[in-house]
Each structure stands twice: as C-alpha cells, then as structure tokens.
Amino acid sequence: MNYKGHCITNMGILLGTVYTAHKLMPTTHENLGAYMVGFALGTLILSPDLDTFSRPYKNWGVLRFIWWPYQKSLKHRSWLTHGPLIGTLLRSVYLLLVCALTYSLIIYLFKASEIHSVDNLFSQYNFNLEFSFTKNINIIAYLFIGLEISALGHLLADKASDFIKLLRYRF
C-alpha cells in the first residue's frame, strides 16, 4: 500500500481508538494526547517502512541519514521491521540510541571547549532538562501504545492490500 493509503487507514484507526478510549476507559487528556502524538509520529515518521526509501523516511528531511544504517541492516517487511511489538520496539530503541550518541557527542564537545559543563550551558539559557522516567511512565506508555497501534494499522493495511492484489491476480 502507498503512503497516502497508510495515512488514511491510520487516521481512521486513530479516530476510532481515541473515541472508544474516551467513552469506555477512565483516561486523562494528557494520556490521550500522548497516545495521539505517538500514533501520529508512528504514522508519519516512525513507520515500519523506514526500512525503505519511503515517504516516512523522506519526512525526516536533513536528518534522514540517521536511518541509513537501519535500512542497510534490515530487509523490507522482515519480522524485525514489520513484526508486532518487535518492530516498534526496535525503531524506538534505535532512535533512542541515536539520540543518546548525539547527546554524548555534545557533552564531549562542550567538555573539550570553554564550557566545562552542559548544565552550565543550559542554565545560562534557563533550560530545564530534568525528566523523571517514573513520574512520566503513563505518558511514555501511552506514547509507545500509540506508536504500536499505528504500526499494527500499517501492517493490517499491508496485509489487506496484499490480499486484494492476490484476489485480483487469481480472478
């Protein structure tokens, strides 16, 4: 299925799941917002199709180079990229590793320069980088659920598209 088809399918799933969650489950607007952000990110830039030269890959703009090792090491539609849970987990861990390496490089560069502490740099500009994993576990969980439901919608659309193509070919 093409990018536009995936977006339409996933936006329908998003509307249905948000409506259902809002009506049937006791959840906060903050959690629903995290779910919707995760779902949108999963559809637009963290799609299972990052393993190809796809629209989600192009949506990364100048930063798309970070996905090149991911593309070269994984086969399209393999269980590692398109597998339920494992694909989303792999893309999330990969992106977190890239961010951690980038952050480490920034710290190294600042320690080598006049500014001996990244904290000093950020305090000069009134940045607060404090983030508590335990305080934000619900938001992280809803964000990941949004990413995963988006990926499942993508997989469902791929399977339905393949089945329709098979029916057309046979009949």
N, C-alpha and C. Protein backbone atom coordinates (compact mmCIF):
# COMPACT_ATOMS: atom_id res chain seq x y z
N MET A 1 0.85 -1.17 0.00
CA MET A 1 0.00 0.00 0.00
C MET A 1 0.90 1.24 0.00
N ASN A 2 0.40 2.29 -0.60
CA ASN A 2 1.20 3.52 -0.67
C ASN A 2 1.02 4.37 0.61
N TYR A 3 1.82 5.41 0.70
CA TYR A 3 1.86 6.27 1.88
C TYR A 3 0.49 6.90 2.17
N LYS A 4 -0.16 7.41 1.12
CA LYS A 4 -1.46 8.05 1.30
C LYS A 4 -2.48 7.06 1.86
N GLY A 5 -2.46 5.85 1.34
CA GLY A 5 -3.37 4.81 1.84
C GLY A 5 -3.11 4.47 3.29
N HIS A 6 -1.83 4.39 3.66
CA HIS A 6 -1.49 4.13 5.06
C HIS A 6 -1.96 5.27 5.96
N CYS A 7 -1.78 6.49 5.51
CA CYS A 7 -2.21 7.65 6.32
C CYS A 7 -3.72 7.66 6.51
N ILE A 8 -4.47 7.41 5.45
CA ILE A 8 -5.94 7.39 5.55
C ILE A 8 -6.39 6.28 6.49
N THR A 9 -5.84 5.08 6.32
CA THR A 9 -6.18 3.94 7.17
C THR A 9 -5.87 4.26 8.63
N ASN A 10 -4.67 4.77 8.87
CA ASN A 10 -4.26 5.04 10.25
C ASN A 10 -5.05 6.18 10.89
N MET A 11 -5.41 7.18 10.13
CA MET A 11 -6.20 8.27 10.71
C MET A 11 -7.60 7.78 11.08
N GLY A 12 -8.15 6.87 10.30
CA GLY A 12 -9.43 6.25 10.66
C GLY A 12 -9.31 5.44 11.95
N ILE A 13 -8.22 4.68 12.05
CA ILE A 13 -7.97 3.90 13.27
C ILE A 13 -7.77 4.84 14.46
N LEU A 14 -7.03 5.92 14.26
CA LEU A 14 -6.80 6.88 15.34
C LEU A 14 -8.11 7.45 15.86
N LEU A 15 -8.96 7.91 14.95
CA LEU A 15 -10.25 8.47 15.37
C LEU A 15 -11.08 7.44 16.13
N GLY A 16 -11.12 6.22 15.63
CA GLY A 16 -11.89 5.17 16.29
C GLY A 16 -11.35 4.82 17.66
N THR A 17 -10.04 4.71 17.78
CA THR A 17 -9.47 4.33 19.07
C THR A 17 -9.57 5.46 20.10
N VAL A 18 -9.38 6.69 19.67
CA VAL A 18 -9.50 7.82 20.61
C VAL A 18 -10.94 7.95 21.09
N TYR A 19 -11.90 7.84 20.18
CA TYR A 19 -13.31 7.92 20.57
C TYR A 19 -13.66 6.81 21.55
N THR A 20 -13.23 5.59 21.23
CA THR A 20 -13.52 4.44 22.09
C THR A 20 -12.87 4.60 23.46
N ALA A 21 -11.61 5.00 23.47
CA ALA A 21 -10.90 5.17 24.75
C ALA A 21 -11.56 6.27 25.58
N HIS A 22 -11.96 7.35 24.93
CA HIS A 22 -12.59 8.46 25.65
C HIS A 22 -13.93 8.04 26.25
N LYS A 23 -14.68 7.22 25.53
CA LYS A 23 -16.01 6.82 26.01
C LYS A 23 -15.97 5.67 27.00
N LEU A 24 -15.05 4.72 26.81
CA LEU A 24 -15.10 3.48 27.60
C LEU A 24 -14.07 3.36 28.71
N MET A 25 -13.00 4.13 28.63
CA MET A 25 -11.92 3.96 29.60
C MET A 25 -11.72 5.22 30.42
N PRO A 26 -11.41 5.04 31.70
CA PRO A 26 -11.06 6.22 32.50
C PRO A 26 -9.62 6.64 32.18
N THR A 27 -9.46 7.65 31.38
CA THR A 27 -8.13 8.10 31.00
C THR A 27 -8.10 9.63 31.00
N THR A 28 -6.92 10.18 31.16
CA THR A 28 -6.79 11.62 31.21
C THR A 28 -6.55 12.18 29.82
N HIS A 29 -6.77 13.47 29.68
CA HIS A 29 -6.49 14.13 28.40
C HIS A 29 -5.00 14.09 28.09
N GLU A 30 -4.19 14.14 29.14
CA GLU A 30 -2.74 14.08 28.97
C GLU A 30 -2.32 12.73 28.36
N ASN A 31 -2.92 11.64 28.87
CA ASN A 31 -2.61 10.31 28.33
C ASN A 31 -3.12 10.15 26.90
N LEU A 32 -4.34 10.63 26.65
CA LEU A 32 -4.86 10.57 25.28
C LEU A 32 -4.01 11.40 24.33
N GLY A 33 -3.54 12.54 24.80
CA GLY A 33 -2.66 13.37 23.98
C GLY A 33 -1.37 12.65 23.65
N ALA A 34 -0.78 11.97 24.64
CA ALA A 34 0.45 11.20 24.41
C ALA A 34 0.19 10.08 23.42
N TYR A 35 -0.96 9.42 23.54
CA TYR A 35 -1.33 8.35 22.59
C TYR A 35 -1.44 8.92 21.17
N MET A 36 -2.12 10.06 21.04
CA MET A 36 -2.30 10.65 19.70
C MET A 36 -0.98 11.11 19.10
N VAL A 37 -0.10 11.67 19.93
CA VAL A 37 1.22 12.08 19.44
C VAL A 37 2.01 10.85 18.98
N GLY A 38 1.99 9.80 19.80
CA GLY A 38 2.67 8.56 19.42
C GLY A 38 2.11 7.98 18.14
N PHE A 39 0.80 8.01 18.01
CA PHE A 39 0.15 7.48 16.81
C PHE A 39 0.54 8.30 15.58
N ALA A 40 0.50 9.62 15.70
CA ALA A 40 0.87 10.48 14.57
C ALA A 40 2.34 10.29 14.19
N LEU A 41 3.22 10.23 15.19
CA LEU A 41 4.64 10.00 14.92
C LEU A 41 4.85 8.65 14.25
N GLY A 42 4.13 7.64 14.74
CA GLY A 42 4.24 6.29 14.17
C GLY A 42 3.76 6.23 12.73
N THR A 43 2.80 7.05 12.39
CA THR A 43 2.28 7.06 11.02
C THR A 43 3.18 7.88 10.10
N LEU A 44 3.62 9.03 10.56
CA LEU A 44 4.31 9.98 9.67
C LEU A 44 5.82 9.82 9.61
N ILE A 45 6.48 9.51 10.73
CA ILE A 45 7.94 9.46 10.68
C ILE A 45 8.57 8.21 11.31
N LEU A 46 7.82 7.42 12.05
CA LEU A 46 8.38 6.19 12.64
C LEU A 46 7.65 4.95 12.13
N SER A 47 7.33 4.98 10.87
CA SER A 47 6.60 3.90 10.21
C SER A 47 7.46 2.65 10.05
N PRO A 48 6.84 1.47 9.97
CA PRO A 48 7.61 0.27 9.64
C PRO A 48 8.34 0.37 8.30
N ASP A 49 7.90 1.28 7.44
CA ASP A 49 8.54 1.43 6.13
C ASP A 49 9.82 2.26 6.15
N LEU A 50 10.34 2.56 7.33
CA LEU A 50 11.63 3.25 7.40
C LEU A 50 12.77 2.38 6.87
N ASP A 51 12.47 1.11 6.62
CA ASP A 51 13.49 0.21 6.08
C ASP A 51 13.63 0.34 4.56
N THR A 52 12.89 1.26 3.96
CA THR A 52 12.99 1.53 2.53
C THR A 52 13.10 3.04 2.30
N PHE A 53 13.30 3.43 1.05
CA PHE A 53 13.34 4.84 0.68
C PHE A 53 11.89 5.30 0.53
N SER A 54 11.19 5.40 1.65
CA SER A 54 9.75 5.67 1.68
C SER A 54 9.46 7.11 2.06
N ARG A 55 8.19 7.46 2.02
CA ARG A 55 7.78 8.81 2.43
C ARG A 55 8.10 9.09 3.90
N PRO A 56 7.84 8.15 4.84
CA PRO A 56 8.24 8.42 6.22
C PRO A 56 9.74 8.67 6.36
N TYR A 57 10.54 7.96 5.57
CA TYR A 57 11.99 8.19 5.56
C TYR A 57 12.29 9.60 5.06
N LYS A 58 11.63 10.00 3.98
CA LYS A 58 11.83 11.35 3.42
C LYS A 58 11.33 12.43 4.38
N ASN A 59 10.31 12.12 5.18
CA ASN A 59 9.78 13.10 6.14
C ASN A 59 10.80 13.51 7.19
N TRP A 60 11.87 12.75 7.34
CA TRP A 60 12.92 13.11 8.29
C TRP A 60 13.78 14.25 7.77
N GLY A 61 13.61 14.62 6.50
CA GLY A 61 14.34 15.75 5.93
C GLY A 61 15.85 15.55 6.02
N VAL A 62 16.56 16.58 6.50
CA VAL A 62 18.02 16.50 6.56
C VAL A 62 18.51 15.47 7.58
N LEU A 63 17.65 15.05 8.49
CA LEU A 63 18.04 14.06 9.49
C LEU A 63 17.83 12.61 9.03
N ARG A 64 17.35 12.43 7.82
CA ARG A 64 17.06 11.07 7.38
C ARG A 64 18.30 10.18 7.30
N PHE A 65 19.46 10.78 7.25
CA PHE A 65 20.70 9.99 7.21
C PHE A 65 20.84 9.07 8.42
N ILE A 66 20.19 9.43 9.54
CA ILE A 66 20.32 8.59 10.73
C ILE A 66 19.69 7.21 10.53
N TRP A 67 18.79 7.09 9.55
CA TRP A 67 18.11 5.81 9.30
C TRP A 67 18.84 4.95 8.28
N TRP A 68 19.91 5.46 7.69
CA TRP A 68 20.63 4.69 6.68
C TRP A 68 21.15 3.36 7.22
N PRO A 69 21.81 3.31 8.39
CA PRO A 69 22.27 2.01 8.92
C PRO A 69 21.09 1.05 9.18
N TYR A 70 19.99 1.59 9.64
CA TYR A 70 18.79 0.79 9.89
C TYR A 70 18.31 0.15 8.58
N GLN A 71 18.26 0.96 7.52
CA GLN A 71 17.82 0.46 6.21
C GLN A 71 18.75 -0.61 5.67
N LYS A 72 20.05 -0.36 5.77
CA LYS A 72 21.03 -1.27 5.18
C LYS A 72 21.15 -2.59 5.94
N SER A 73 20.81 -2.58 7.21
CA SER A 73 20.97 -3.80 8.00
C SER A 73 19.70 -4.64 8.09
N LEU A 74 18.56 -4.09 7.68
CA LEU A 74 17.30 -4.82 7.80
C LEU A 74 16.59 -4.93 6.45
N LYS A 75 16.01 -6.08 6.23
CA LYS A 75 15.29 -6.34 4.99
C LYS A 75 13.85 -5.82 5.09
N HIS A 76 13.33 -5.29 3.97
CA HIS A 76 11.97 -4.76 3.98
C HIS A 76 10.94 -5.84 4.31
N ARG A 77 10.02 -5.48 5.17
CA ARG A 77 8.95 -6.34 5.66
C ARG A 77 9.47 -7.57 6.41
N SER A 78 10.65 -7.48 6.97
CA SER A 78 11.13 -8.59 7.79
C SER A 78 10.39 -8.54 9.14
N TRP A 79 10.52 -9.59 9.91
CA TRP A 79 9.84 -9.63 11.21
C TRP A 79 10.43 -8.60 12.17
N LEU A 80 11.65 -8.14 11.90
CA LEU A 80 12.26 -7.13 12.76
C LEU A 80 11.73 -5.72 12.49
N THR A 81 11.27 -5.46 11.27
CA THR A 81 10.76 -4.13 10.95
C THR A 81 9.23 -4.09 10.97
N HIS A 82 8.61 -5.19 10.56
CA HIS A 82 7.15 -5.21 10.45
C HIS A 82 6.50 -6.14 11.47
N GLY A 83 7.27 -6.70 12.39
CA GLY A 83 6.70 -7.59 13.39
C GLY A 83 5.99 -6.82 14.49
N PRO A 84 4.84 -7.34 14.94
CA PRO A 84 4.14 -6.68 16.04
C PRO A 84 5.05 -6.58 17.27
N LEU A 85 5.04 -5.47 17.92
CA LEU A 85 5.84 -5.10 19.08
C LEU A 85 7.34 -5.01 18.78
N ILE A 86 7.93 -6.04 18.19
CA ILE A 86 9.38 -6.03 17.97
C ILE A 86 9.79 -4.90 17.02
N GLY A 87 9.00 -4.64 15.97
CA GLY A 87 9.32 -3.57 15.03
C GLY A 87 9.29 -2.21 15.68
N THR A 88 8.25 -1.94 16.44
CA THR A 88 8.12 -0.65 17.14
C THR A 88 9.21 -0.52 18.19
N LEU A 89 9.46 -1.58 18.92
CA LEU A 89 10.50 -1.56 19.95
C LEU A 89 11.87 -1.33 19.32
N LEU A 90 12.16 -1.99 18.21
CA LEU A 90 13.45 -1.82 17.54
C LEU A 90 13.63 -0.39 17.03
N ARG A 91 12.60 0.17 16.38
CA ARG A 91 12.70 1.55 15.90
C ARG A 91 12.87 2.53 17.06
N SER A 92 12.15 2.30 18.15
CA SER A 92 12.25 3.19 19.32
C SER A 92 13.62 3.11 19.96
N VAL A 93 14.13 1.91 20.15
CA VAL A 93 15.45 1.74 20.75
C VAL A 93 16.53 2.32 19.84
N TYR A 94 16.39 2.09 18.53
CA TYR A 94 17.35 2.62 17.58
C TYR A 94 17.39 4.16 17.67
N LEU A 95 16.21 4.78 17.66
CA LEU A 95 16.15 6.24 17.75
C LEU A 95 16.71 6.75 19.08
N LEU A 96 16.40 6.07 20.17
CA LEU A 96 16.94 6.45 21.48
C LEU A 96 18.46 6.33 21.51
N LEU A 97 19.00 5.29 20.87
CA LEU A 97 20.46 5.15 20.80
C LEU A 97 21.09 6.28 19.99
N VAL A 98 20.47 6.63 18.87
CA VAL A 98 20.98 7.75 18.07
C VAL A 98 20.96 9.04 18.90
N CYS A 99 19.87 9.27 19.62
CA CYS A 99 19.77 10.47 20.48
C CYS A 99 20.81 10.43 21.59
N ALA A 100 21.01 9.27 22.21
CA ALA A 100 22.00 9.15 23.28
C ALA A 100 23.41 9.39 22.76
N LEU A 101 23.72 8.86 21.59
CA LEU A 101 25.04 9.09 21.00
C LEU A 101 25.24 10.56 20.66
N THR A 102 24.20 11.19 20.13
CA THR A 102 24.28 12.61 19.81
C THR A 102 24.47 13.44 21.07
N TYR A 103 23.72 13.12 22.10
CA TYR A 103 23.85 13.82 23.38
C TYR A 103 25.25 13.64 23.96
N SER A 104 25.77 12.40 23.89
CA SER A 104 27.13 12.13 24.38
C SER A 104 28.17 12.93 23.61
N LEU A 105 27.98 13.03 22.31
CA LEU A 105 28.90 13.81 21.50
C LEU A 105 28.86 15.29 21.88
N ILE A 106 27.67 15.81 22.12
CA ILE A 106 27.52 17.21 22.54
C ILE A 106 28.23 17.43 23.88
N ILE A 107 28.02 16.51 24.82
CA ILE A 107 28.68 16.64 26.12
C ILE A 107 30.20 16.61 25.95
N TYR A 108 30.69 15.69 25.14
CA TYR A 108 32.13 15.59 24.90
C TYR A 108 32.68 16.87 24.29
N LEU A 109 31.97 17.41 23.30
CA LEU A 109 32.44 18.63 22.64
C LEU A 109 32.45 19.82 23.60
N PHE A 110 31.43 19.93 24.46
CA PHE A 110 31.39 21.04 25.40
C PHE A 110 32.44 20.90 26.51
N LYS A 111 32.72 19.66 26.89
CA LYS A 111 33.76 19.46 27.90
C LYS A 111 35.14 19.82 27.33
N ALA A 112 35.29 19.64 26.03
CA ALA A 112 36.56 19.97 25.39
C ALA A 112 36.68 21.48 25.13
N SER A 113 35.57 22.19 25.22
CA SER A 113 35.61 23.63 24.97
C SER A 113 35.66 24.39 26.29
N GLU A 114 35.41 25.68 26.22
CA GLU A 114 35.45 26.54 27.41
C GLU A 114 34.37 26.18 28.41
N ILE A 115 33.22 25.80 27.92
CA ILE A 115 32.11 25.48 28.81
C ILE A 115 32.36 24.08 29.35
N HIS A 116 32.65 23.98 30.63
CA HIS A 116 33.05 22.70 31.21
C HIS A 116 31.88 21.86 31.65
N SER A 117 30.70 22.38 31.55
CA SER A 117 29.54 21.62 31.97
C SER A 117 28.36 21.96 31.07
N VAL A 118 27.68 20.91 30.62
CA VAL A 118 26.47 21.14 29.84
C VAL A 118 25.42 21.80 30.72
N ASP A 119 25.42 21.47 32.02
CA ASP A 119 24.49 22.12 32.94
C ASP A 119 24.70 23.63 32.96
N ASN A 120 25.96 24.06 32.94
CA ASN A 120 26.25 25.50 32.91
C ASN A 120 25.72 26.11 31.62
N LEU A 121 25.91 25.41 30.52
CA LEU A 121 25.42 25.91 29.23
C LEU A 121 23.91 26.08 29.28
N PHE A 122 23.20 25.03 29.73
CA PHE A 122 21.75 25.10 29.72
C PHE A 122 21.22 26.06 30.78
N SER A 123 21.91 26.20 31.91
CA SER A 123 21.44 27.14 32.93
C SER A 123 21.59 28.58 32.46
N GLN A 124 22.55 28.83 31.57
CA GLN A 124 22.69 30.18 31.01
C GLN A 124 21.45 30.56 30.21
N TYR A 125 20.83 29.58 29.61
CA TYR A 125 19.67 29.85 28.77
C TYR A 125 18.36 29.41 29.42
N ASN A 126 18.41 29.14 30.73
CA ASN A 126 17.23 28.76 31.51
C ASN A 126 16.52 27.51 30.99
N PHE A 127 17.29 26.53 30.52
CA PHE A 127 16.72 25.26 30.10
C PHE A 127 16.64 24.34 31.31
N ASN A 128 15.59 23.58 31.39
CA ASN A 128 15.46 22.59 32.44
C ASN A 128 15.32 21.23 31.77
N LEU A 129 16.35 20.40 31.87
CA LEU A 129 16.35 19.10 31.21
C LEU A 129 15.92 17.97 32.13
N GLU A 130 15.41 18.30 33.29
CA GLU A 130 15.04 17.27 34.23
C GLU A 130 13.85 16.48 33.69
N PHE A 131 14.00 15.18 33.65
CA PHE A 131 12.93 14.31 33.20
C PHE A 131 12.95 13.07 34.08
N SER A 132 11.85 12.79 34.71
CA SER A 132 11.77 11.64 35.58
C SER A 132 11.00 10.53 34.88
N PHE A 133 11.68 9.42 34.65
CA PHE A 133 11.04 8.28 34.00
C PHE A 133 9.87 7.77 34.82
N THR A 134 10.06 7.66 36.13
CA THR A 134 9.00 7.12 36.98
C THR A 134 7.80 8.05 37.07
N LYS A 135 8.04 9.37 37.06
CA LYS A 135 6.93 10.32 37.12
C LYS A 135 6.12 10.33 35.82
N ASN A 136 6.77 9.99 34.72
CA ASN A 136 6.13 10.08 33.41
C ASN A 136 5.87 8.73 32.76
N ILE A 137 5.81 7.67 33.54
CA ILE A 137 5.66 6.32 32.98
C ILE A 137 4.35 6.18 32.20
N ASN A 138 3.27 6.81 32.67
CA ASN A 138 2.00 6.73 31.94
C ASN A 138 2.11 7.38 30.57
N ILE A 139 2.73 8.54 30.52
CA ILE A 139 2.87 9.24 29.24
C ILE A 139 3.74 8.43 28.29
N ILE A 140 4.84 7.87 28.80
CA ILE A 140 5.71 7.05 27.97
C ILE A 140 4.97 5.83 27.47
N ALA A 141 4.19 5.20 28.34
CA ALA A 141 3.42 4.01 27.95
C ALA A 141 2.39 4.36 26.87
N TYR A 142 1.65 5.44 27.05
CA TYR A 142 0.65 5.83 26.05
C TYR A 142 1.31 6.24 24.73
N LEU A 143 2.45 6.88 24.81
CA LEU A 143 3.19 7.23 23.60
C LEU A 143 3.59 5.96 22.84
N PHE A 144 4.11 4.98 23.56
CA PHE A 144 4.52 3.72 22.92
C PHE A 144 3.31 2.96 22.38
N ILE A 145 2.20 2.96 23.13
CA ILE A 145 0.98 2.30 22.64
C ILE A 145 0.52 2.95 21.34
N GLY A 146 0.59 4.28 21.28
CA GLY A 146 0.24 4.98 20.05
C GLY A 146 1.13 4.58 18.89
N LEU A 147 2.44 4.49 19.14
CA LEU A 147 3.38 4.03 18.11
C LEU A 147 3.03 2.62 17.64
N GLU A 148 2.73 1.74 18.59
CA GLU A 148 2.45 0.34 18.25
C GLU A 148 1.12 0.17 17.53
N ILE A 149 0.07 0.84 17.97
CA ILE A 149 -1.23 0.73 17.29
C ILE A 149 -1.11 1.28 15.87
N SER A 150 -0.34 2.33 15.70
CA SER A 150 -0.08 2.87 14.36
C SER A 150 0.62 1.83 13.49
N ALA A 151 1.62 1.15 14.05
CA ALA A 151 2.33 0.11 13.30
C ALA A 151 1.40 -1.06 12.97
N LEU A 152 0.55 -1.42 13.92
CA LEU A 152 -0.41 -2.50 13.65
C LEU A 152 -1.39 -2.12 12.54
N GLY A 153 -1.82 -0.86 12.53
CA GLY A 153 -2.66 -0.38 11.44
C GLY A 153 -1.93 -0.45 10.10
N HIS A 154 -0.66 -0.12 10.12
CA HIS A 154 0.17 -0.20 8.91
C HIS A 154 0.24 -1.65 8.43
N LEU A 155 0.49 -2.57 9.35
CA LEU A 155 0.59 -3.99 8.99
C LEU A 155 -0.73 -4.52 8.47
N LEU A 156 -1.82 -4.13 9.12
CA LEU A 156 -3.15 -4.55 8.67
C LEU A 156 -3.43 -4.04 7.26
N ALA A 157 -3.08 -2.80 6.99
CA ALA A 157 -3.27 -2.23 5.65
C ALA A 157 -2.41 -2.95 4.61
N ASP A 158 -1.17 -3.28 4.97
CA ASP A 158 -0.30 -4.03 4.06
C ASP A 158 -0.89 -5.40 3.74
N LYS A 159 -1.34 -6.11 4.76
CA LYS A 159 -1.91 -7.45 4.56
C LYS A 159 -3.19 -7.39 3.74
N ALA A 160 -4.05 -6.40 4.01
CA ALA A 160 -5.29 -6.26 3.24
C ALA A 160 -4.97 -5.93 1.79
N SER A 161 -4.01 -5.05 1.56
CA SER A 161 -3.60 -4.69 0.20
C SER A 161 -3.04 -5.90 -0.54
N ASP A 162 -2.21 -6.69 0.13
CA ASP A 162 -1.65 -7.89 -0.48
C ASP A 162 -2.74 -8.90 -0.82
N PHE A 163 -3.73 -9.04 0.06
CA PHE A 163 -4.82 -9.97 -0.17
C PHE A 163 -5.67 -9.53 -1.37
N ILE A 164 -5.94 -8.24 -1.46
CA ILE A 164 -6.72 -7.72 -2.60
C ILE A 164 -5.96 -7.92 -3.90
N LYS A 165 -4.66 -7.68 -3.89
CA LYS A 165 -3.84 -7.91 -5.09
C LYS A 165 -3.86 -9.39 -5.48
N LEU A 166 -3.82 -10.27 -4.49
CA LEU A 166 -3.87 -11.71 -4.75
C LEU A 166 -5.20 -12.10 -5.39
N LEU A 167 -6.29 -11.54 -4.86
CA LEU A 167 -7.61 -11.84 -5.43
C LEU A 167 -7.71 -11.33 -6.87
N ARG A 168 -7.21 -10.15 -7.13
CA ARG A 168 -7.22 -9.59 -8.50
C ARG A 168 -6.43 -10.45 -9.45
N TYR A 169 -5.30 -10.95 -8.98
CA TYR A 169 -4.41 -11.75 -9.81
C TYR A 169 -5.05 -13.10 -10.14
N ARG A 170 -5.73 -13.70 -9.17
CA ARG A 170 -6.34 -15.03 -9.35
C ARG A 170 -7.63 -14.98 -10.15
N PHE A 171 -8.36 -13.88 -10.06
CA PHE A 171 -9.66 -13.85 -10.73
C PHE A 171 -9.68 -12.84 -11.81
